[in-house]
């Protein structure tokens, strides 16, 4: 299961870089702590579907683009 979180986090990081926003900005827009955002990108946490969809919206992509 951890592999899924790592792959998801890698996809979030890659998309964030494509969009050109910082971890700080993403955290602010997603209403999460910046350190939590970093933990998401490193695959250290499992997030809710609601938060995953929120990140997809902020990153201007479809949720399927973030899923492994």
C-alpha atoms as a PDB file:
ATOM      1  CA  UNK A   1       0.000   0.000   0.000  1.00  0.00           C
ATOM      2  CA  UNK A   2       2.886   2.347   0.721  1.00  0.00           C
ATOM      3  CA  UNK A   3       3.979   2.094  -2.914  1.00  0.00           C
ATOM      4  CA  UNK A   4       0.679   3.640  -3.938  1.00  0.00           C
ATOM      5  CA  UNK A   5       1.209   6.607  -1.606  1.00  0.00           C
ATOM      6  CA  UNK A   6       4.746   7.104  -2.949  1.00  0.00           C
ATOM      7  CA  UNK A   7       3.581   6.987  -6.574  1.00  0.00           C
ATOM      8  CA  UNK A   8       0.712   9.365  -5.806  1.00  0.00           C
ATOM      9  CA  UNK A   9       3.127  11.739  -4.069  1.00  0.00           C
ATOM     10  CA  UNK A  10       5.529  11.628  -6.996  1.00  0.00           C
ATOM     11  CA  UNK A  11       2.658  12.466  -9.345  1.00  0.00           C
ATOM     12  CA  UNK A  12       1.577  15.381  -7.143  1.00  0.00           C
ATOM     13  CA  UNK A  13       5.148  16.720  -7.062  1.00  0.00           C
ATOM     14  CA  UNK A  14       5.583  16.377 -10.824  1.00  0.00           C
ATOM     15  CA  UNK A  15       2.274  18.098 -11.555  1.00  0.00           C
ATOM     16  CA  UNK A  16       3.008  20.854  -9.033  1.00  0.00           C
ATOM     17  CA  UNK A  17       6.259  21.579 -10.848  1.00  0.00           C
ATOM     18  CA  UNK A  18       4.507  21.597 -14.240  1.00  0.00           C
ATOM     19  CA  UNK A  19       1.984  24.118 -12.919  1.00  0.00           C
ATOM     20  CA  UNK A  20       4.849  26.106 -11.410  1.00  0.00           C
ATOM     21  CA  UNK A  21       3.747  26.506  -7.817  1.00  0.00           C
ATOM     22  CA  UNK A  22       5.743  25.986  -4.648  1.00  0.00           C
ATOM     23  CA  UNK A  23       4.980  23.540  -1.873  1.00  0.00           C
ATOM     24  CA  UNK A  24       4.085  26.552   0.283  1.00  0.00           C
ATOM     25  CA  UNK A  25       1.569  27.855  -2.238  1.00  0.00           C
ATOM     26  CA  UNK A  26       0.029  24.403  -2.765  1.00  0.00           C
ATOM     27  CA  UNK A  27      -0.316  23.950   0.986  1.00  0.00           C
ATOM     28  CA  UNK A  28      -1.946  27.366   1.336  1.00  0.00           C
ATOM     29  CA  UNK A  29      -4.430  26.692  -1.467  1.00  0.00           C
ATOM     30  CA  UNK A  30      -5.205  23.183  -0.157  1.00  0.00           C
ATOM     31  CA  UNK A  31      -5.596  24.461   3.404  1.00  0.00           C
ATOM     32  CA  UNK A  32      -2.958  22.070   4.753  1.00  0.00           C
ATOM     33  CA  UNK A  33       0.310  22.549   6.610  1.00  0.00           C
ATOM     34  CA  UNK A  34       3.348  22.794   4.330  1.00  0.00           C
ATOM     35  CA  UNK A  35       5.057  19.948   6.161  1.00  0.00           C
ATOM     36  CA  UNK A  36       1.993  17.771   5.568  1.00  0.00           C
ATOM     37  CA  UNK A  37       2.181  18.645   1.874  1.00  0.00           C
ATOM     38  CA  UNK A  38       5.789  17.492   1.855  1.00  0.00           C
ATOM     39  CA  UNK A  39       4.787  14.253   3.558  1.00  0.00           C
ATOM     40  CA  UNK A  40       2.136  13.717   0.853  1.00  0.00           C
ATOM     41  CA  UNK A  41       4.742  14.214  -1.864  1.00  0.00           C
ATOM     42  CA  UNK A  42       7.121  11.769  -0.155  1.00  0.00           C
ATOM     43  CA  UNK A  43       4.355   9.179   0.210  1.00  0.00           C
ATOM     44  CA  UNK A  44       4.523   9.141   3.982  1.00  0.00           C
ATOM     45  CA  UNK A  45       0.785   9.632   4.537  1.00  0.00           C
ATOM     46  CA  UNK A  46      -2.464   8.325   3.118  1.00  0.00           C
ATOM     47  CA  UNK A  47      -4.838  11.144   2.293  1.00  0.00           C
ATOM     48  CA  UNK A  48      -8.594  11.188   1.908  1.00  0.00           C
ATOM     49  CA  UNK A  49     -10.296  11.091  -1.461  1.00  0.00           C
ATOM     50  CA  UNK A  50     -11.673  14.535  -0.708  1.00  0.00           C
ATOM     51  CA  UNK A  51      -8.144  15.923  -0.291  1.00  0.00           C
ATOM     52  CA  UNK A  52      -6.930  14.080  -3.410  1.00  0.00           C
ATOM     53  CA  UNK A  53      -9.694  15.669  -5.492  1.00  0.00           C
ATOM     54  CA  UNK A  54      -8.911  19.046  -3.952  1.00  0.00           C
ATOM     55  CA  UNK A  55      -5.250  18.712  -4.936  1.00  0.00           C
ATOM     56  CA  UNK A  56      -6.243  17.728  -8.477  1.00  0.00           C
ATOM     57  CA  UNK A  57      -8.425  20.820  -8.763  1.00  0.00           C
ATOM     58  CA  UNK A  58      -5.662  23.083  -7.465  1.00  0.00           C
ATOM     59  CA  UNK A  59      -3.147  21.440  -9.803  1.00  0.00           C
ATOM     60  CA  UNK A  60      -5.544  21.911 -12.732  1.00  0.00           C
ATOM     61  CA  UNK A  61      -5.703  18.251 -13.673  1.00  0.00           C
ATOM     62  CA  UNK A  62      -8.017  15.283 -13.495  1.00  0.00           C
ATOM     63  CA  UNK A  63      -7.696  13.035 -10.446  1.00  0.00           C
ATOM     64  CA  UNK A  64      -6.679  10.168 -12.743  1.00  0.00           C
ATOM     65  CA  UNK A  65      -3.524  12.138 -13.587  1.00  0.00           C
ATOM     66  CA  UNK A  66      -2.438  11.902  -9.953  1.00  0.00           C
ATOM     67  CA  UNK A  67      -3.401   8.304  -9.304  1.00  0.00           C
ATOM     68  CA  UNK A  68      -0.762   5.603  -9.885  1.00  0.00           C
END
